[in-house]
């Protein structure tokens, strides 16, 4: 495991992503642009929920005993 490649670079990328998401909501843009920020936030939340559901199904499928 390389510390720069597996820890430092992903942490920097995550920080930039969190900052970009934060500044797209604070302060909330004016009317037509606020819809895009809210839609993006909902889309991210739905993506996280979908990923959690799919990861649970993968674990269930891995434990199925096929005889």
PDB file of N, CA and C in Angstrom:
ATOM      1  N   UNK A   1       0.847  -1.178   0.000  1.00  0.00           N
ATOM      2  CA  UNK A   1       0.000   0.000   0.000  1.00  0.00           C
ATOM      3  C   UNK A   1       0.893   1.242   0.000  1.00  0.00           C
ATOM      4  N   UNK A   2       0.614   2.123  -0.925  1.00  0.00           N
ATOM      5  CA  UNK A   2       1.368   3.368  -1.025  1.00  0.00           C
ATOM      6  C   UNK A   2       0.555   4.477  -0.353  1.00  0.00           C
ATOM      7  N   UNK A   3       1.157   5.137   0.607  1.00  0.00           N
ATOM      8  CA  UNK A   3       0.445   6.148   1.394  1.00  0.00           C
ATOM      9  C   UNK A   3      -0.019   7.306   0.519  1.00  0.00           C
ATOM     10  N   UNK A   4       0.824   7.774  -0.380  1.00  0.00           N
ATOM     11  CA  UNK A   4       0.431   8.917  -1.223  1.00  0.00           C
ATOM     12  C   UNK A   4      -0.711   8.529  -2.150  1.00  0.00           C
ATOM     13  N   UNK A   5      -0.599   7.372  -2.785  1.00  0.00           N
ATOM     14  CA  UNK A   5      -1.583   6.952  -3.781  1.00  0.00           C
ATOM     15  C   UNK A   5      -2.897   6.505  -3.148  1.00  0.00           C
ATOM     16  N   UNK A   6      -2.859   5.871  -2.007  1.00  0.00           N
ATOM     17  CA  UNK A   6      -4.065   5.274  -1.433  1.00  0.00           C
ATOM     18  C   UNK A   6      -4.687   6.068  -0.295  1.00  0.00           C
ATOM     19  N   UNK A   7      -3.980   7.046   0.254  1.00  0.00           N
ATOM     20  CA  UNK A   7      -4.545   7.811   1.373  1.00  0.00           C
ATOM     21  C   UNK A   7      -4.557   9.311   1.068  1.00  0.00           C
ATOM     22  N   UNK A   8      -3.427   9.888   0.772  1.00  0.00           N
ATOM     23  CA  UNK A   8      -3.332  11.339   0.656  1.00  0.00           C
ATOM     24  C   UNK A   8      -4.116  11.867  -0.548  1.00  0.00           C
ATOM     25  N   UNK A   9      -3.934  11.302  -1.726  1.00  0.00           N
ATOM     26  CA  UNK A   9      -4.640  11.783  -2.922  1.00  0.00           C
ATOM     27  C   UNK A   9      -6.155  11.607  -2.796  1.00  0.00           C
ATOM     28  N   UNK A  10      -6.672  10.457  -2.334  1.00  0.00           N
ATOM     29  CA  UNK A  10      -8.128  10.356  -2.150  1.00  0.00           C
ATOM     30  C   UNK A  10      -8.683  11.334  -1.109  1.00  0.00           C
ATOM     31  N   UNK A  11      -7.938  11.595  -0.054  1.00  0.00           N
ATOM     32  CA  UNK A  11      -8.394  12.546   0.960  1.00  0.00           C
ATOM     33  C   UNK A  11      -8.468  13.951   0.364  1.00  0.00           C
ATOM     34  N   UNK A  12      -7.468  14.339  -0.411  1.00  0.00           N
ATOM     35  CA  UNK A  12      -7.488  15.661  -1.046  1.00  0.00           C
ATOM     36  C   UNK A  12      -8.664  15.768  -2.008  1.00  0.00           C
ATOM     37  N   UNK A  13      -8.891  14.737  -2.809  1.00  0.00           N
ATOM     38  CA  UNK A  13     -10.027  14.731  -3.725  1.00  0.00           C
ATOM     39  C   UNK A  13     -11.360  14.805  -2.997  1.00  0.00           C
ATOM     40  N   UNK A  14     -11.475  14.093  -1.888  1.00  0.00           N
ATOM     41  CA  UNK A  14     -12.708  14.128  -1.099  1.00  0.00           C
ATOM     42  C   UNK A  14     -12.946  15.504  -0.488  1.00  0.00           C
ATOM     43  N   UNK A  15     -11.892  16.143  -0.025  1.00  0.00           N
ATOM     44  CA  UNK A  15     -12.032  17.481   0.551  1.00  0.00           C
ATOM     45  C   UNK A  15     -12.523  18.465  -0.510  1.00  0.00           C
ATOM     46  N   UNK A  16     -11.941  18.402  -1.713  1.00  0.00           N
ATOM     47  CA  UNK A  16     -12.389  19.289  -2.787  1.00  0.00           C
ATOM     48  C   UNK A  16     -13.839  19.015  -3.169  1.00  0.00           C
ATOM     49  N   UNK A  17     -14.238  17.757  -3.198  1.00  0.00           N
ATOM     50  CA  UNK A  17     -15.620  17.407  -3.524  1.00  0.00           C
ATOM     51  C   UNK A  17     -16.577  17.928  -2.463  1.00  0.00           C
ATOM     52  N   UNK A  18     -16.230  17.763  -1.199  1.00  0.00           N
ATOM     53  CA  UNK A  18     -17.081  18.258  -0.107  1.00  0.00           C
ATOM     54  C   UNK A  18     -17.188  19.780  -0.168  1.00  0.00           C
ATOM     55  N   UNK A  19     -16.082  20.463  -0.431  1.00  0.00           N
ATOM     56  CA  UNK A  19     -16.127  21.919  -0.555  1.00  0.00           C
ATOM     57  C   UNK A  19     -16.999  22.362  -1.732  1.00  0.00           C
ATOM     58  N   UNK A  20     -16.896  21.666  -2.853  1.00  0.00           N
ATOM     59  CA  UNK A  20     -17.712  22.024  -4.014  1.00  0.00           C
ATOM     60  C   UNK A  20     -19.198  21.837  -3.711  1.00  0.00           C
ATOM     61  N   UNK A  21     -19.540  20.752  -3.047  1.00  0.00           N
ATOM     62  CA  UNK A  21     -20.942  20.523  -2.683  1.00  0.00           C
ATOM     63  C   UNK A  21     -21.403  21.572  -1.682  1.00  0.00           C
ATOM     64  N   UNK A  22     -20.573  21.886  -0.700  1.00  0.00           N
ATOM     65  CA  UNK A  22     -20.935  22.871   0.317  1.00  0.00           C
ATOM     66  C   UNK A  22     -21.200  24.237  -0.314  1.00  0.00           C
ATOM     67  N   UNK A  23     -20.280  24.691  -1.175  1.00  0.00           N
ATOM     68  CA  UNK A  23     -20.431  26.030  -1.750  1.00  0.00           C
ATOM     69  C   UNK A  23     -21.491  26.100  -2.843  1.00  0.00           C
ATOM     70  N   UNK A  24     -22.021  24.959  -3.268  1.00  0.00           N
ATOM     71  CA  UNK A  24     -23.149  25.026  -4.195  1.00  0.00           C
ATOM     72  C   UNK A  24     -24.461  25.232  -3.448  1.00  0.00           C
ATOM     73  N   UNK A  25     -24.455  25.020  -2.129  1.00  0.00           N
ATOM     74  CA  UNK A  25     -25.658  25.212  -1.324  1.00  0.00           C
ATOM     75  C   UNK A  25     -25.596  26.429  -0.414  1.00  0.00           C
ATOM     76  N   UNK A  26     -24.395  26.909  -0.074  1.00  0.00           N
ATOM     77  CA  UNK A  26     -24.262  28.022   0.857  1.00  0.00           C
ATOM     78  C   UNK A  26     -23.578  29.179   0.163  1.00  0.00           C
ATOM     79  N   UNK A  27     -24.153  30.306  -0.013  1.00  0.00           N
ATOM     80  CA  UNK A  27     -25.578  30.595   0.143  1.00  0.00           C
ATOM     81  C   UNK A  27     -26.360  29.995  -1.020  1.00  0.00           C
ATOM     82  N   UNK A  28     -27.615  29.682  -0.782  1.00  0.00           N
ATOM     83  CA  UNK A  28     -28.441  29.070  -1.811  1.00  0.00           C
ATOM     84  C   UNK A  28     -28.611  30.045  -2.974  1.00  0.00           C
ATOM     85  N   UNK A  29     -28.347  29.586  -4.197  1.00  0.00           N
ATOM     86  CA  UNK A  29     -28.441  30.489  -5.347  1.00  0.00           C
ATOM     87  C   UNK A  29     -29.861  31.005  -5.570  1.00  0.00           C
ATOM     88  N   UNK A  30     -29.984  31.983  -6.440  1.00  0.00           N
ATOM     89  CA  UNK A  30     -31.299  32.539  -6.751  1.00  0.00           C
ATOM     90  C   UNK A  30     -32.154  31.499  -7.475  1.00  0.00           C
ATOM     91  N   UNK A  31     -33.425  31.843  -7.701  1.00  0.00           N
ATOM     92  CA  UNK A  31     -34.446  30.876  -8.106  1.00  0.00           C
ATOM     93  C   UNK A  31     -34.069  29.893  -9.216  1.00  0.00           C
ATOM     94  N   UNK A  32     -33.774  30.276 -10.401  1.00  0.00           N
ATOM     95  CA  UNK A  32     -33.634  29.206 -11.393  1.00  0.00           C
ATOM     96  C   UNK A  32     -32.446  28.295 -11.113  1.00  0.00           C
ATOM     97  N   UNK A  33     -31.403  28.822 -10.484  1.00  0.00           N
ATOM     98  CA  UNK A  33     -30.213  28.016 -10.234  1.00  0.00           C
ATOM     99  C   UNK A  33     -30.336  27.178  -8.966  1.00  0.00           C
ATOM    100  N   UNK A  34     -31.210  27.561  -8.067  1.00  0.00           N
ATOM    101  CA  UNK A  34     -31.384  26.781  -6.847  1.00  0.00           C
ATOM    102  C   UNK A  34     -31.998  25.424  -7.145  1.00  0.00           C
ATOM    103  N   UNK A  35     -32.791  25.343  -8.201  1.00  0.00           N
ATOM    104  CA  UNK A  35     -33.397  24.062  -8.564  1.00  0.00           C
ATOM    105  C   UNK A  35     -32.309  23.052  -8.931  1.00  0.00           C
ATOM    106  N   UNK A  36     -31.273  23.500  -9.626  1.00  0.00           N
ATOM    107  CA  UNK A  36     -30.201  22.597 -10.022  1.00  0.00           C
ATOM    108  C   UNK A  36     -29.418  22.101  -8.805  1.00  0.00           C
ATOM    109  N   UNK A  37     -29.164  22.982  -7.861  1.00  0.00           N
ATOM    110  CA  UNK A  37     -28.434  22.577  -6.657  1.00  0.00           C
ATOM    111  C   UNK A  37     -29.244  21.576  -5.844  1.00  0.00           C
ATOM    112  N   UNK A  38     -30.531  21.820  -5.706  1.00  0.00           N
ATOM    113  CA  UNK A  38     -31.383  20.904  -4.947  1.00  0.00           C
ATOM    114  C   UNK A  38     -31.496  19.565  -5.672  1.00  0.00           C
ATOM    115  N   UNK A  39     -31.657  19.593  -6.987  1.00  0.00           N
ATOM    116  CA  UNK A  39     -31.743  18.356  -7.760  1.00  0.00           C
ATOM    117  C   UNK A  39     -30.450  17.550  -7.643  1.00  0.00           C
ATOM    118  N   UNK A  40     -29.319  18.226  -7.677  1.00  0.00           N
ATOM    119  CA  UNK A  40     -28.040  17.531  -7.526  1.00  0.00           C
ATOM    120  C   UNK A  40     -27.922  16.907  -6.142  1.00  0.00           C
ATOM    121  N   UNK A  41     -28.374  17.612  -5.104  1.00  0.00           N
ATOM    122  CA  UNK A  41     -28.340  17.061  -3.754  1.00  0.00           C
ATOM    123  C   UNK A  41     -29.223  15.837  -3.618  1.00  0.00           C
ATOM    124  N   UNK A  42     -30.412  15.899  -4.191  1.00  0.00           N
ATOM    125  CA  UNK A  42     -31.325  14.745  -4.155  1.00  0.00           C
ATOM    126  C   UNK A  42     -30.719  13.582  -4.926  1.00  0.00           C
ATOM    127  N   UNK A  43     -30.107  13.878  -6.065  1.00  0.00           N
ATOM    128  CA  UNK A  43     -29.499  12.835  -6.883  1.00  0.00           C
ATOM    129  C   UNK A  43     -28.358  12.148  -6.122  1.00  0.00           C
ATOM    130  N   UNK A  44     -27.555  12.911  -5.404  1.00  0.00           N
ATOM    131  CA  UNK A  44     -26.459  12.335  -4.619  1.00  0.00           C
ATOM    132  C   UNK A  44     -27.010  11.448  -3.512  1.00  0.00           C
ATOM    133  N   UNK A  45     -28.045  11.909  -2.819  1.00  0.00           N
ATOM    134  CA  UNK A  45     -28.643  11.111  -1.743  1.00  0.00           C
ATOM    135  C   UNK A  45     -29.230   9.823  -2.293  1.00  0.00           C
ATOM    136  N   UNK A  46     -29.944   9.907  -3.426  1.00  0.00           N
ATOM    137  CA  UNK A  46     -30.492   8.697  -4.040  1.00  0.00           C
ATOM    138  C   UNK A  46     -29.378   7.742  -4.465  1.00  0.00           C
ATOM    139  N   UNK A  47     -28.284   8.267  -4.961  1.00  0.00           N
ATOM    140  CA  UNK A  47     -27.153   7.429  -5.345  1.00  0.00           C
ATOM    141  C   UNK A  47     -26.544   6.703  -4.156  1.00  0.00           C
ATOM    142  N   UNK A  48     -26.442   7.391  -3.028  1.00  0.00           N
ATOM    143  CA  UNK A  48     -25.908   6.762  -1.813  1.00  0.00           C
ATOM    144  C   UNK A  48     -26.844   5.660  -1.334  1.00  0.00           C
ATOM    145  N   UNK A  49     -28.145   5.938  -1.330  1.00  0.00           N
ATOM    146  CA  UNK A  49     -29.129   4.921  -0.916  1.00  0.00           C
ATOM    147  C   UNK A  49     -29.059   3.715  -1.846  1.00  0.00           C
ATOM    148  N   UNK A  50     -28.988   3.954  -3.160  1.00  0.00           N
ATOM    149  CA  UNK A  50     -28.899   2.863  -4.130  1.00  0.00           C
ATOM    150  C   UNK A  50     -27.637   2.030  -3.897  1.00  0.00           C
ATOM    151  N   UNK A  51     -26.511   2.684  -3.665  1.00  0.00           N
ATOM    152  CA  UNK A  51     -25.257   1.970  -3.432  1.00  0.00           C
ATOM    153  C   UNK A  51     -25.331   1.127  -2.163  1.00  0.00           C
ATOM    154  N   UNK A  52     -25.965   1.659  -1.115  1.00  0.00           N
ATOM    155  CA  UNK A  52     -26.103   0.884   0.122  1.00  0.00           C
ATOM    156  C   UNK A  52     -26.994  -0.336  -0.082  1.00  0.00           C
ATOM    157  N   UNK A  53     -28.080  -0.170  -0.834  1.00  0.00           N
ATOM    158  CA  UNK A  53     -28.978  -1.298  -1.099  1.00  0.00           C
ATOM    159  C   UNK A  53     -28.258  -2.358  -1.941  1.00  0.00           C
ATOM    160  N   UNK A  54     -27.539  -1.925  -2.974  1.00  0.00           N
ATOM    161  CA  UNK A  54     -26.832  -2.885  -3.822  1.00  0.00           C
ATOM    162  C   UNK A  54     -25.722  -3.593  -3.060  1.00  0.00           C
ATOM    163  N   UNK A  55     -25.034  -2.909  -2.167  1.00  0.00           N
ATOM    164  CA  UNK A  55     -23.969  -3.562  -1.405  1.00  0.00           C
ATOM    165  C   UNK A  55     -24.551  -4.586  -0.440  1.00  0.00           C
ATOM    166  N   UNK A  56     -25.736  -4.329   0.084  1.00  0.00           N
ATOM    167  CA  UNK A  56     -26.390  -5.292   0.967  1.00  0.00           C
ATOM    168  C   UNK A  56     -26.780  -6.533   0.164  1.00  0.00           C
ATOM    169  N   UNK A  57     -27.291  -6.341  -1.053  1.00  0.00           N
ATOM    170  CA  UNK A  57     -27.672  -7.473  -1.886  1.00  0.00           C
ATOM    171  C   UNK A  57     -26.472  -8.314  -2.290  1.00  0.00           C
ATOM    172  N   UNK A  58     -25.330  -7.695  -2.511  1.00  0.00           N
ATOM    173  CA  UNK A  58     -24.119  -8.433  -2.866  1.00  0.00           C
ATOM    174  C   UNK A  58     -23.706  -9.320  -1.704  1.00  0.00           C
ATOM    175  N   UNK A  59     -23.796  -8.824  -0.479  1.00  0.00           N
ATOM    176  CA  UNK A  59     -23.445  -9.626   0.683  1.00  0.00           C
ATOM    177  C   UNK A  59     -24.414 -10.791   0.853  1.00  0.00           C
ATOM    178  N   UNK A  60     -25.706 -10.571   0.590  1.00  0.00           N
ATOM    179  CA  UNK A  60     -26.682 -11.647   0.695  1.00  0.00           C
ATOM    180  C   UNK A  60     -26.443 -12.700  -0.376  1.00  0.00           C
ATOM    181  N   UNK A  61     -26.117 -12.271  -1.574  1.00  0.00           N
ATOM    182  CA  UNK A  61     -25.859 -13.209  -2.661  1.00  0.00           C
ATOM    183  C   UNK A  61     -24.604 -14.023  -2.375  1.00  0.00           C
ATOM    184  N   UNK A  62     -23.594 -13.417  -1.770  1.00  0.00           N
ATOM    185  CA  UNK A  62     -22.359 -14.111  -1.466  1.00  0.00           C
ATOM    186  C   UNK A  62     -22.559 -15.183  -0.406  1.00  0.00           C
ATOM    187  N   UNK A  63     -23.561 -15.026   0.463  1.00  0.00           N
ATOM    188  CA  UNK A  63     -23.777 -15.998   1.525  1.00  0.00           C
ATOM    189  C   UNK A  63     -24.759 -17.091   1.138  1.00  0.00           C
ATOM    190  N   UNK A  64     -25.338 -17.021  -0.049  1.00  0.00           N
ATOM    191  CA  UNK A  64     -26.281 -18.047  -0.488  1.00  0.00           C
ATOM    192  C   UNK A  64     -25.522 -19.326  -0.753  1.00  0.00           C
ATOM    193  N   UNK A  65     -26.031 -20.408  -0.198  1.00  0.00           N
ATOM    194  CA  UNK A  65     -25.402 -21.707  -0.370  1.00  0.00           C
ATOM    195  C   UNK A  65     -26.068 -22.432  -1.531  1.00  0.00           C
ATOM    196  N   UNK A  66     -25.319 -22.629  -2.608  1.00  0.00           N
ATOM    197  CA  UNK A  66     -25.860 -23.316  -3.780  1.00  0.00           C
ATOM    198  C   UNK A  66     -25.349 -24.752  -3.777  1.00  0.00           C
ATOM    199  N   UNK A  67     -26.271 -25.667  -3.715  1.00  0.00           N
ATOM    200  CA  UNK A  67     -25.891 -27.093  -3.712  1.00  0.00           C
ATOM    201  C   UNK A  67     -26.205 -27.758  -5.019  1.00  0.00           C
TER     202      UNK A  67
END
